Amino acid sequence: MTGLWRFGLVLSGSGQIAEELVQATCLRALEKARQFEPGTRLDRWLFSIERSIWLNDIRANRVRNPVELEEAESVLVFDGEEKFQTNILAAQVLKEVQALPSALRETVFLVYGEGLSYAEAAQMLSVPIGTVMSRLSSARLRLAHLNKEAS
């Protein structure tokens, strides 16, 4: 369930909305359980359901809150002096990723955050595999300055 919550956070930028998305996803999955194909990856199916719910919410204008990056940043809390720099860098990376356009943000999360293959991400996002590759390349270019700053 943490993967669903993280994906909800990536989609919405809000912990509270992420929780609501997870609940709606679980409910929809129970309602549509007959549609799950045994032998396939349950997590991929749930991600697809969650994204569909999110897109439907956007289309219906039910999600009116803007993305609040501070809420997403507050998720990264580390104790200990030795992890202080890691916390700063992680918060900076999260802020930069959250600032990406939604198509790039979703693709980055699915491939780098959840480990989907390019083909799996393409199928889930209903785009050609070349589009996934292009989105990741664009995201890497936009985030490249973070690597230079960390050095």
Protein backbone atom coordinates (compact mmCIF):
# COMPACT_ATOMS: atom_id res chain seq x y z
CA MET A 1 0.00 0.00 0.00
CA THR A 2 2.91 2.38 0.50
CA GLY A 3 3.57 2.30 -3.25
CA LEU A 4 -0.02 3.34 -3.93
CA TRP A 5 0.26 6.14 -1.39
CA ARG A 6 3.56 7.34 -2.90
CA PHE A 7 2.02 7.31 -6.38
CA GLY A 8 -0.97 9.24 -5.05
CA LEU A 9 1.47 11.76 -3.57
CA VAL A 10 3.24 12.07 -6.91
CA LEU A 11 -0.06 12.58 -8.71
CA SER A 12 -1.62 15.04 -6.28
CA GLY A 13 1.22 16.56 -4.26
CA SER A 14 -0.89 16.14 -1.13
CA GLY A 15 -0.66 13.47 1.54
CA GLN A 16 -4.35 13.77 2.37
CA ILE A 17 -5.44 13.42 -1.25
CA ALA A 18 -3.00 10.51 -1.64
CA GLU A 19 -4.76 8.73 1.22
CA GLU A 20 -8.14 9.36 -0.40
CA LEU A 21 -6.83 8.00 -3.70
CA VAL A 22 -5.58 4.83 -2.00
CA GLN A 23 -8.97 4.29 -0.38
CA ALA A 24 -10.80 4.89 -3.66
CA THR A 25 -8.36 2.57 -5.44
CA CYS A 26 -8.92 -0.24 -2.95
CA LEU A 27 -12.68 0.16 -3.19
CA ARG A 28 -12.60 0.16 -7.00
CA ALA A 29 -10.29 -2.88 -7.01
CA LEU A 30 -12.73 -4.78 -4.81
CA GLU A 31 -15.62 -3.78 -7.05
CA LYS A 32 -13.73 -4.80 -10.20
CA ALA A 33 -11.91 -7.84 -8.80
CA ARG A 34 -13.28 -10.01 -11.60
CA GLN A 35 -11.30 -7.91 -14.08
CA PHE A 36 -7.94 -8.75 -12.50
CA GLU A 37 -6.06 -11.30 -14.58
CA PRO A 38 -4.41 -13.98 -12.42
CA GLY A 39 -0.70 -14.26 -13.12
CA THR A 40 -0.29 -10.54 -13.76
CA ARG A 41 1.19 -8.00 -11.37
CA LEU A 42 -1.38 -6.82 -8.85
CA ASP A 43 0.57 -3.63 -8.05
CA ARG A 44 0.59 -2.59 -11.73
CA TRP A 45 -3.16 -3.12 -11.93
CA LEU A 46 -3.69 -1.05 -8.79
CA PHE A 47 -1.47 1.76 -10.11
CA SER A 48 -3.59 1.85 -13.27
CA ILE A 49 -6.77 2.06 -11.23
CA GLU A 50 -5.33 4.84 -9.06
CA ARG A 51 -4.20 6.87 -12.06
CA SER A 52 -7.60 6.43 -13.71
CA ILE A 53 -9.35 7.69 -10.58
CA TRP A 54 -7.00 10.69 -10.40
CA LEU A 55 -7.57 11.59 -14.06
CA ASN A 56 -11.33 11.26 -13.60
CA ASP A 57 -11.15 13.56 -10.57
CA ILE A 58 -9.23 16.14 -12.56
CA ARG A 59 -11.66 15.93 -15.44
CA ALA A 60 -14.60 16.40 -13.09
CA ASN A 61 -12.86 19.29 -11.30
CA ARG A 62 -13.36 17.63 -7.95
CA VAL A 63 -9.74 18.16 -6.96
CA ARG A 64 -9.52 21.91 -6.39
CA ASN A 65 -6.45 22.19 -4.16
CA PRO A 66 -3.21 23.27 -5.81
CA VAL A 67 -0.11 21.16 -5.38
CA GLU A 68 1.40 21.90 -1.99
CA LEU A 69 5.07 21.03 -2.16
CA GLU A 70 5.63 21.63 1.53
CA GLU A 71 3.31 18.76 2.40
CA ALA A 72 5.23 16.40 0.14
CA GLU A 73 8.56 17.59 1.59
CA SER A 74 7.40 16.95 5.14
CA VAL A 75 7.19 13.24 4.31
CA LEU A 76 11.00 13.07 4.26
CA VAL A 77 11.98 13.20 7.90
CA PHE A 78 15.31 11.80 9.07
CA ASP A 79 16.77 11.73 12.55
CA GLY A 80 20.46 12.10 13.26
CA GLU A 81 23.14 14.57 12.40
CA GLU A 82 24.82 12.33 9.79
CA LYS A 83 21.66 12.32 7.67
CA PHE A 84 21.12 16.08 7.77
CA GLN A 85 22.67 16.66 4.33
CA THR A 86 20.74 13.72 2.89
CA ASN A 87 17.52 15.25 4.18
CA ILE A 88 18.29 18.57 2.53
CA LEU A 89 19.17 16.95 -0.80
CA ALA A 90 16.17 14.59 -0.71
CA ALA A 91 13.80 17.49 -0.01
CA GLN A 92 15.37 19.49 -2.82
CA VAL A 93 15.06 16.58 -5.26
CA LEU A 94 11.44 15.96 -4.22
CA LYS A 95 10.63 19.63 -4.68
CA GLU A 96 12.19 19.64 -8.14
CA VAL A 97 10.44 16.42 -9.17
CA GLN A 98 7.09 17.75 -7.91
CA ALA A 99 7.66 20.88 -10.03
CA LEU A 100 7.95 18.79 -13.22
CA PRO A 101 4.93 18.70 -15.52
CA SER A 102 2.58 15.89 -14.50
CA ALA A 103 3.42 13.65 -17.47
CA LEU A 104 7.13 13.76 -16.60
CA ARG A 105 6.47 13.40 -12.87
CA GLU A 106 4.29 10.31 -13.34
CA THR A 107 6.79 8.69 -15.68
CA VAL A 108 9.74 9.38 -13.36
CA PHE A 109 7.86 7.88 -10.42
CA LEU A 110 6.76 4.75 -12.25
CA VAL A 111 10.16 3.96 -13.76
CA TYR A 112 12.58 5.22 -11.12
CA GLY A 113 10.40 5.11 -8.02
CA GLU A 114 8.50 1.87 -8.57
CA GLY A 115 10.87 0.11 -10.94
CA LEU A 116 8.49 -0.43 -13.86
CA SER A 117 10.16 -1.22 -17.16
CA TYR A 118 9.78 1.29 -19.96
CA ALA A 119 7.31 -1.07 -21.63
CA GLU A 120 5.23 -1.47 -18.45
CA ALA A 121 5.14 2.30 -17.89
CA ALA A 122 4.19 2.88 -21.52
CA GLN A 123 1.34 0.39 -21.26
CA MET A 124 0.09 1.85 -18.00
CA LEU A 125 0.25 5.44 -19.26
CA SER A 126 -1.22 4.46 -22.65
CA VAL A 127 1.67 5.99 -24.58
CA PRO A 128 4.32 4.55 -26.92
CA ILE A 129 7.55 3.34 -25.31
CA GLY A 130 9.39 6.13 -27.16
CA THR A 131 7.28 8.67 -25.29
CA VAL A 132 8.35 7.15 -21.97
CA MET A 133 11.98 7.35 -23.05
CA SER A 134 11.54 10.95 -24.20
CA ARG A 135 9.82 11.97 -20.95
CA LEU A 136 12.60 10.42 -18.87
CA SER A 137 15.26 12.13 -20.96
CA SER A 138 13.49 15.46 -20.56
CA ALA A 139 13.15 14.94 -16.81
CA ARG A 140 16.84 14.06 -16.48
CA LEU A 141 17.80 17.23 -18.36
CA ARG A 142 15.58 19.35 -16.09
CA LEU A 143 17.03 17.72 -12.98
CA ALA A 144 20.68 17.60 -14.08
CA HIS A 145 21.56 20.77 -12.14
CA LEU A 146 20.85 18.90 -8.89
CA ASN A 147 23.71 16.52 -9.59
CA LYS A 148 26.08 19.45 -10.13
CA GLU A 149 24.94 21.16 -6.91
CA ALA A 150 25.44 17.97 -4.87
CA SER A 151 29.08 17.63 -6.00
